Amino acid sequence: MKKILFLLITISFIGCKEKDPFSAIKFGKSNYRTTIEDLLKKGLISRSTKDSSTFYSNIKIDNAELPIVLYFNSDLYNFGSVRSIYMNLGGDTLIDFAFKDDLYVSRGAGPRLYSDVESLYEKYEQWYGIPDSVLFDYPPKKISAGLSIGEYLRQSFQEAKIDSSAIPGKTVYWKTLEYNIKFYSPIPYPETKKDSLLYVKSPSIEYTMLDYEVRLKAIQDSIKTTFNPDDLISMRISNPEWNESIYGGDNIFSIAVRDVVRKDREEDRDVIALKFDIIFTDLFGEELMRMENVTLEPPFPLENGREGLTKILSGPLTYTMPYNSYSKQGQDVIALKNHYKNNKTHINYQINSVVFNDGTVLNRK
């Protein structure tokens, strides 16, 4: 069982005169790696782990600090200039795993006090002035208890479905001469009916360079020109089996393919078919056997993972090959069986071709 405790930091915000600490970054111009190194040296950010692209920081307001989680270039292309910064304003959470003695602190995974987020929003208004636009998000109206079925249905489908008297969530936009800011504060809620405090889940701030979408598309288009089929698809191959015939016919070699999924975010077209080799090598990388041009037509198109979610063909799909000791292919299968029983064997794949949903084919270069 997993128990979660929320670490809620109440912060008193008082007016201050300093500027937004991230306003000095020249979005679209400042070098990504140089900027990260400079911020680390100044102590304005810290790494969550040695090789991670996730960073920690604090927004200082007078004598108080609001801990946040930062992602530079949230498009995950960690090269070139700093194009965006995503700030996760969620609170810290303690996770108690029953099978471990230690508590695990998950940064940014818990709720944040609504008053803290509002105080930070007021600070951004001091820094950037009146927003260029604000979108409000009101909660749905609560339907009264003890109603007849007819009245319940009438209230469920009435036109005014939002509670305009409640505190709304909001998405706020500022446009500066060098970058844009999006401040997101969800609909606040109490943890319990008796709780007088309000909280929000997953509040955030995002900075983006001007013409961010145009620059991002240019990066993706340039990456696509270098693609090989292997850059689009990943899979897992396992469980080779040798089934010998007891009636004197051909023996059957089989192997399982599973977890077939798109791994790129640049190519908009769906993959509807692919052709690949399954390659068996020894500990030194020497090839032992190869199953050539195995064909797969998945039951659904394989979409890219740009939106963060993509379908996985989990399988397993079993591919078989008859063999006997009289053919060269059969002798290779038998040799592989003997090697596999007694030595470490690596199983890899090579994607040779993919077919897109518009009918075009990308072949291995």
Protein backbone atom coordinates (compact mmCIF):
# COMPACT_ATOMS: atom_id res chain seq x y z
CA MET A 1 0.00 0.00 0.00
CA LYS A 2 1.21 3.50 -0.79
CA LYS A 3 0.55 6.35 1.62
CA ILE A 4 0.92 9.94 0.51
CA LEU A 5 1.43 12.89 2.86
CA PHE A 6 1.39 16.44 1.52
CA LEU A 7 4.18 18.83 2.51
CA LEU A 8 2.47 22.19 2.39
CA ILE A 9 4.63 25.25 2.74
CA THR A 10 2.77 28.36 3.82
CA ILE A 11 4.60 31.42 2.60
CA SER A 12 4.05 35.01 3.62
CA PHE A 13 4.52 37.29 0.65
CA ILE A 14 5.39 40.92 1.12
CA GLY A 15 6.00 43.44 -1.62
CA CYS A 16 9.48 43.55 -3.12
CA LYS A 17 11.29 45.50 -5.78
CA GLU A 18 13.40 42.85 -7.49
CA LYS A 19 12.83 41.74 -11.06
CA ASP A 20 11.82 38.33 -12.32
CA PRO A 21 15.05 36.30 -11.90
CA PHE A 22 14.49 34.62 -15.28
CA SER A 23 13.86 37.80 -17.23
CA ALA A 24 17.60 38.14 -17.97
CA ILE A 25 17.51 35.06 -20.22
CA LYS A 26 17.42 35.99 -23.91
CA PHE A 27 14.87 33.44 -25.07
CA GLY A 28 15.70 32.16 -28.53
CA LYS A 29 19.24 33.57 -28.30
CA SER A 30 20.94 32.49 -25.04
CA ASN A 31 22.84 29.22 -25.49
CA TYR A 32 21.16 26.33 -23.67
CA ARG A 33 24.25 24.74 -22.07
CA THR A 34 25.96 28.05 -21.26
CA THR A 35 22.79 29.37 -19.61
CA ILE A 36 22.38 26.21 -17.48
CA GLU A 37 26.03 26.33 -16.38
CA ASP A 38 25.77 30.02 -15.52
CA LEU A 39 22.60 29.54 -13.43
CA LEU A 40 24.16 26.56 -11.64
CA LYS A 41 27.31 28.55 -10.79
CA LYS A 42 25.23 31.44 -9.44
CA GLY A 43 23.21 29.04 -7.28
CA LEU A 44 19.92 30.07 -8.88
CA ILE A 45 19.14 26.46 -9.84
CA SER A 46 20.32 22.99 -8.81
CA ARG A 47 20.15 19.64 -10.59
CA SER A 48 17.76 17.00 -9.31
CA THR A 49 20.31 14.33 -10.34
CA LYS A 50 23.70 14.49 -12.04
CA ASP A 51 22.51 13.80 -15.60
CA SER A 52 18.91 14.95 -15.33
CA SER A 53 17.29 17.72 -17.38
CA THR A 54 15.12 18.53 -14.34
CA PHE A 55 16.21 21.37 -12.07
CA TYR A 56 15.17 22.81 -8.72
CA SER A 57 14.94 26.46 -7.79
CA ASN A 58 13.24 28.92 -5.45
CA ILE A 59 11.33 32.07 -6.29
CA LYS A 60 12.42 34.50 -3.61
CA ILE A 61 9.98 37.05 -2.27
CA ASP A 62 11.58 39.13 0.47
CA ASN A 63 12.54 36.67 3.22
CA ALA A 64 10.41 33.79 1.91
CA GLU A 65 11.02 31.22 -0.83
CA LEU A 66 8.68 29.18 -2.99
CA PRO A 67 10.38 25.91 -4.10
CA ILE A 68 9.71 24.99 -7.73
CA VAL A 69 10.74 22.40 -10.33
CA LEU A 70 12.15 23.69 -13.64
CA TYR A 71 12.39 22.18 -17.11
CA PHE A 72 14.48 24.12 -19.62
CA ASN A 73 13.42 23.56 -23.24
CA SER A 74 10.36 21.53 -22.29
CA ASP A 75 10.23 20.40 -25.95
CA LEU A 76 13.08 18.05 -24.84
CA TYR A 77 15.51 19.31 -27.50
CA ASN A 78 18.34 20.21 -25.15
CA PHE A 79 20.54 21.97 -27.68
CA GLY A 80 20.77 25.34 -29.38
CA SER A 81 19.20 28.24 -27.54
CA VAL A 82 16.90 28.41 -24.52
CA ARG A 83 13.49 28.37 -26.18
CA SER A 84 11.25 27.73 -23.19
CA ILE A 85 11.12 27.20 -19.44
CA TYR A 86 8.36 25.22 -17.73
CA MET A 87 7.90 25.75 -13.99
CA ASN A 88 6.03 23.14 -11.98
CA LEU A 89 4.62 24.99 -8.98
CA GLY A 90 3.18 21.89 -7.28
CA GLY A 91 4.02 21.19 -3.65
CA ASP A 92 6.34 18.46 -2.41
CA THR A 93 4.87 15.09 -1.49
CA LEU A 94 6.08 12.35 0.85
CA ILE A 95 5.44 8.84 -0.48
CA ASP A 96 5.58 5.97 1.99
CA PHE A 97 6.16 2.66 0.22
CA ALA A 98 5.20 -0.28 2.43
CA PHE A 99 8.21 -2.33 1.28
CA LYS A 100 10.72 0.44 2.06
CA ASP A 101 11.77 2.01 5.34
CA ASP A 102 12.58 5.43 3.92
CA LEU A 103 10.09 8.06 2.80
CA TYR A 104 10.46 9.28 -0.77
CA VAL A 105 10.12 13.01 -1.43
CA SER A 106 8.51 13.71 -4.80
CA ARG A 107 9.13 17.30 -5.81
CA GLY A 108 6.21 19.11 -7.41
CA ALA A 109 3.82 16.13 -7.25
CA GLY A 110 1.57 17.41 -4.46
CA PRO A 111 -0.97 20.22 -4.13
CA ARG A 112 -0.02 23.80 -3.40
CA LEU A 113 -1.86 26.26 -1.18
CA TYR A 114 -4.08 28.47 -3.32
CA SER A 115 -3.00 31.51 -1.30
CA ASP A 116 0.65 30.81 -2.19
CA VAL A 117 -0.11 30.60 -5.90
CA GLU A 118 -2.19 33.77 -5.72
CA SER A 119 0.61 35.60 -3.93
CA LEU A 120 2.99 34.50 -6.68
CA TYR A 121 0.49 35.66 -9.31
CA GLU A 122 0.37 39.07 -7.64
CA LYS A 123 4.16 39.16 -7.81
CA TYR A 124 4.00 38.52 -11.56
CA GLU A 125 1.50 41.34 -11.91
CA GLN A 126 4.01 43.60 -10.15
CA TRP A 127 6.72 42.44 -12.53
CA TYR A 128 4.76 42.45 -15.80
CA GLY A 129 1.69 44.63 -15.18
CA ILE A 130 -1.86 43.94 -16.28
CA PRO A 131 -2.08 40.67 -18.27
CA ASP A 132 -2.74 40.73 -22.00
CA SER A 133 -5.49 38.13 -21.59
CA VAL A 134 -7.09 35.97 -18.89
CA LEU A 135 -9.19 32.83 -19.36
CA PHE A 136 -11.33 31.80 -16.37
CA ASP A 137 -12.38 28.22 -15.62
CA TYR A 138 -15.37 27.88 -13.29
CA PRO A 139 -16.31 24.63 -11.53
CA PRO A 140 -19.61 22.92 -12.41
CA LYS A 141 -22.66 23.67 -10.31
CA LYS A 142 -23.37 21.26 -7.51
CA ILE A 143 -26.76 19.58 -7.85
CA SER A 144 -28.89 19.71 -4.72
CA ALA A 145 -29.37 16.51 -2.74
CA GLY A 146 -32.76 14.81 -2.24
CA LEU A 147 -34.21 15.72 -5.65
CA SER A 148 -36.62 13.63 -7.66
CA ILE A 149 -35.17 11.88 -10.70
CA GLY A 150 -36.93 14.33 -13.02
CA GLU A 151 -35.62 17.40 -11.17
CA TYR A 152 -32.14 15.88 -10.95
CA LEU A 153 -32.08 15.36 -14.71
CA ARG A 154 -33.43 18.85 -15.33
CA GLN A 155 -30.69 20.44 -13.25
CA SER A 156 -28.06 18.15 -14.86
CA PHE A 157 -28.91 19.37 -18.36
CA GLN A 158 -29.76 22.98 -17.65
CA GLU A 159 -27.89 25.64 -19.63
CA ALA A 160 -26.12 27.27 -16.69
CA LYS A 161 -23.82 24.40 -15.72
CA ILE A 162 -21.06 26.48 -14.13
CA ASP A 163 -20.96 27.97 -10.68
CA SER A 164 -20.09 31.60 -11.36
CA SER A 165 -20.11 32.34 -7.62
CA ALA A 166 -17.14 30.03 -6.98
CA ILE A 167 -13.46 30.95 -7.19
CA PRO A 168 -12.38 30.11 -10.75
CA GLY A 169 -9.19 28.68 -12.09
CA LYS A 170 -7.40 30.92 -14.55
CA THR A 171 -4.89 30.90 -17.37
CA VAL A 172 -3.12 34.24 -17.67
CA TYR A 173 -0.97 35.45 -20.59
CA TRP A 174 1.64 38.19 -20.76
CA LYS A 175 3.40 39.14 -23.99
CA THR A 176 6.72 40.97 -23.69
CA LEU A 177 9.04 42.19 -26.42
CA GLU A 178 11.29 39.13 -25.99
CA TYR A 179 9.13 36.26 -24.70
CA ASN A 180 5.64 35.16 -23.67
CA ILE A 181 4.44 33.99 -20.26
CA LYS A 182 1.58 31.63 -19.44
CA PHE A 183 0.53 31.45 -15.76
CA TYR A 184 -1.84 28.57 -14.95
CA SER A 185 -3.74 28.31 -11.65
CA PRO A 186 -6.37 25.51 -11.59
CA ILE A 187 -9.72 25.61 -9.82
CA PRO A 188 -9.03 25.66 -6.04
CA TYR A 189 -10.55 23.03 -3.76
CA PRO A 190 -10.60 22.12 -0.02
CA GLU A 191 -8.92 18.86 1.03
CA THR A 192 -11.88 18.01 3.30
CA LYS A 193 -15.33 19.46 3.90
CA LYS A 194 -14.12 20.93 7.20
CA ASP A 195 -10.93 22.37 5.71
CA SER A 196 -10.95 26.17 5.53
CA LEU A 197 -7.84 26.22 3.34
CA LEU A 198 -7.93 25.90 -0.44
CA TYR A 199 -5.41 24.06 -2.62
CA VAL A 200 -4.62 23.74 -6.32
CA LYS A 201 -3.20 20.79 -8.27
CA SER A 202 -0.49 21.19 -10.92
CA PRO A 203 -0.18 25.00 -11.10
CA SER A 204 2.51 26.11 -13.54
CA ILE A 205 4.26 28.96 -15.31
CA GLU A 206 5.67 28.65 -18.81
CA TYR A 207 8.03 31.03 -20.64
CA THR A 208 8.35 30.70 -24.41
CA MET A 209 10.34 32.60 -26.97
CA LEU A 210 8.51 34.65 -29.59
CA ASP A 211 7.47 32.49 -32.57
CA TYR A 212 8.11 29.40 -30.45
CA GLU A 213 5.93 27.11 -32.57
CA VAL A 214 7.65 28.26 -35.77
CA ARG A 215 11.12 27.58 -34.31
CA LEU A 216 10.02 24.21 -32.92
CA LYS A 217 8.64 23.11 -36.29
CA ALA A 218 11.88 24.15 -38.01
CA ILE A 219 13.86 21.99 -35.56
CA GLN A 220 11.57 19.03 -36.09
CA ASP A 221 11.68 19.40 -39.89
CA SER A 222 15.49 19.45 -39.86
CA ILE A 223 15.59 16.33 -37.68
CA LYS A 224 13.18 14.48 -40.00
CA THR A 225 15.58 14.81 -42.94
CA THR A 226 18.10 12.62 -41.08
CA PHE A 227 15.64 9.90 -40.08
CA ASN A 228 16.22 6.21 -40.61
CA PRO A 229 13.40 3.73 -39.82
CA ASP A 230 15.23 2.83 -36.58
CA ASP A 231 14.65 6.41 -35.39
CA LEU A 232 10.87 5.92 -35.52
CA ILE A 233 10.19 2.55 -33.94
CA SER A 234 11.33 0.66 -30.87
CA MET A 235 10.41 -2.88 -29.83
CA ARG A 236 11.45 -5.67 -27.51
CA ILE A 237 12.36 -9.17 -28.70
CA SER A 238 12.67 -12.18 -26.39
CA ASN A 239 11.89 -15.82 -25.63
CA PRO A 240 13.48 -17.79 -28.48
CA GLU A 241 12.19 -21.36 -28.49
CA TRP A 242 13.16 -24.49 -30.43
CA ASN A 243 10.34 -27.02 -30.80
CA GLU A 244 11.49 -30.29 -32.30
CA SER A 245 9.04 -32.42 -34.25
CA ILE A 246 8.39 -35.90 -32.89
CA TYR A 247 6.89 -37.12 -36.17
CA GLY A 248 9.85 -36.54 -38.46
CA GLY A 249 8.65 -33.25 -39.97
CA ASP A 250 10.23 -29.80 -39.77
CA ASN A 251 11.19 -28.40 -36.41
CA ILE A 252 9.86 -24.95 -35.46
CA PHE A 253 11.91 -22.01 -34.22
CA SER A 254 9.87 -19.18 -32.67
CA ILE A 255 10.54 -15.82 -31.07
CA ALA A 256 8.32 -13.15 -29.48
CA VAL A 257 8.08 -9.48 -30.46
CA ARG A 258 6.38 -7.10 -28.00
CA ASP A 259 6.10 -3.45 -26.93
CA VAL A 260 6.23 -2.05 -30.48
CA VAL A 261 5.89 1.72 -30.21
CA ARG A 262 6.80 5.00 -31.89
CA LYS A 263 9.72 6.76 -30.23
CA ASP A 264 9.92 9.97 -32.28
CA ARG A 265 7.98 13.21 -31.83
CA GLU A 266 8.81 14.85 -35.17
CA GLU A 267 7.10 12.83 -37.91
CA ASP A 268 3.35 13.61 -38.08
CA ARG A 269 2.46 10.68 -40.32
CA ASP A 270 1.36 7.38 -38.77
CA VAL A 271 3.26 4.15 -39.40
CA ILE A 272 0.97 1.39 -40.71
CA ALA A 273 3.56 -1.31 -41.52
CA LEU A 274 7.23 -2.09 -40.98
CA LYS A 275 9.86 -4.59 -42.08
CA PHE A 276 12.76 -5.53 -39.83
CA ASP A 277 15.57 -8.02 -39.19
CA ILE A 278 16.02 -9.94 -35.94
CA ILE A 279 19.73 -10.29 -35.19
CA PHE A 280 21.42 -12.71 -32.77
CA THR A 281 24.99 -11.92 -31.67
CA ASP A 282 27.48 -13.32 -29.20
CA LEU A 283 29.11 -11.50 -26.31
CA PHE A 284 31.64 -9.89 -28.67
CA GLY A 285 29.04 -8.63 -31.15
CA GLU A 286 29.73 -11.31 -33.75
CA GLU A 287 26.57 -12.17 -35.67
CA LEU A 288 25.30 -15.71 -35.09
CA MET A 289 22.08 -15.63 -37.12
CA ARG A 290 19.68 -13.17 -38.70
CA MET A 291 15.96 -13.48 -39.46
CA GLU A 292 15.59 -11.14 -42.44
CA ASN A 293 12.69 -8.90 -43.50
CA VAL A 294 10.17 -9.89 -40.86
CA THR A 295 6.95 -7.99 -41.66
CA LEU A 296 4.55 -6.43 -39.17
CA GLU A 297 1.24 -4.72 -39.94
CA PRO A 298 -0.08 -3.52 -36.56
CA PRO A 299 -3.85 -3.59 -35.92
CA PHE A 300 -3.81 0.18 -35.37
CA PRO A 301 -1.62 3.00 -36.76
CA LEU A 302 1.50 3.75 -34.73
CA GLU A 303 1.32 7.45 -33.87
CA ASN A 304 4.17 9.64 -32.67
CA GLY A 305 4.50 10.55 -29.01
CA ARG A 306 4.42 14.32 -29.40
CA GLU A 307 1.40 14.73 -27.13
CA GLY A 308 2.97 12.54 -24.45
CA LEU A 309 0.66 9.57 -25.03
CA THR A 310 0.94 6.93 -27.72
CA LYS A 311 -0.44 3.45 -28.24
CA ILE A 312 1.85 0.50 -27.58
CA LEU A 313 1.44 -2.80 -29.38
CA SER A 314 2.24 -4.85 -26.30
CA GLY A 315 1.83 -8.24 -27.90
CA PRO A 316 3.48 -10.62 -27.72
CA LEU A 317 3.52 -11.41 -31.43
CA THR A 318 5.12 -14.76 -32.16
CA TYR A 319 7.15 -15.25 -35.32
CA THR A 320 7.99 -18.80 -36.39
CA MET A 321 10.44 -20.39 -38.82
CA PRO A 322 10.52 -24.08 -39.82
CA TYR A 323 13.96 -25.68 -39.93
CA ASN A 324 15.73 -29.00 -40.35
CA SER A 325 19.34 -30.17 -40.29
CA TYR A 326 19.62 -30.50 -44.07
CA SER A 327 19.50 -26.80 -45.02
CA LYS A 328 22.02 -24.05 -44.33
CA GLN A 329 19.31 -22.06 -42.54
CA GLY A 330 18.41 -25.06 -40.39
CA GLN A 331 22.05 -25.64 -39.48
CA ASP A 332 22.31 -21.96 -38.39
CA VAL A 333 19.22 -22.34 -36.16
CA ILE A 334 20.68 -25.47 -34.55
CA ALA A 335 24.03 -23.71 -34.00
CA LEU A 336 22.19 -20.78 -32.40
CA LYS A 337 20.34 -23.18 -30.10
CA ASN A 338 23.58 -24.74 -28.90
CA HIS A 339 25.18 -21.33 -28.35
CA TYR A 340 22.11 -19.95 -26.55
CA LYS A 341 22.08 -22.85 -24.08
CA ASN A 342 25.69 -22.38 -23.02
CA ASN A 343 26.61 -18.72 -23.69
CA LYS A 344 25.28 -15.21 -23.33
CA THR A 345 23.38 -14.25 -26.48
CA HIS A 346 22.19 -10.78 -27.45
CA ILE A 347 18.99 -10.32 -29.46
CA ASN A 348 18.71 -7.08 -31.43
CA TYR A 349 16.69 -5.74 -34.33
CA GLN A 350 17.17 -3.49 -37.34
CA ILE A 351 14.20 -1.65 -38.85
CA ASN A 352 14.64 -1.75 -42.63
CA SER A 353 11.50 0.01 -43.87
CA VAL A 354 8.34 1.69 -42.60
CA VAL A 355 5.16 2.51 -44.50
CA PHE A 356 3.33 5.75 -43.62
CA ASN A 357 -0.43 6.22 -43.76
CA ASP A 358 -0.08 8.29 -46.95
CA GLY A 359 1.48 5.29 -48.71
CA THR A 360 5.06 6.55 -48.81
CA VAL A 361 7.91 4.31 -47.68
CA LEU A 362 11.00 5.26 -45.66
CA ASN A 363 13.85 2.81 -46.33
CA ARG A 364 17.05 2.40 -44.39
CA LYS A 365 19.78 4.65 -45.79
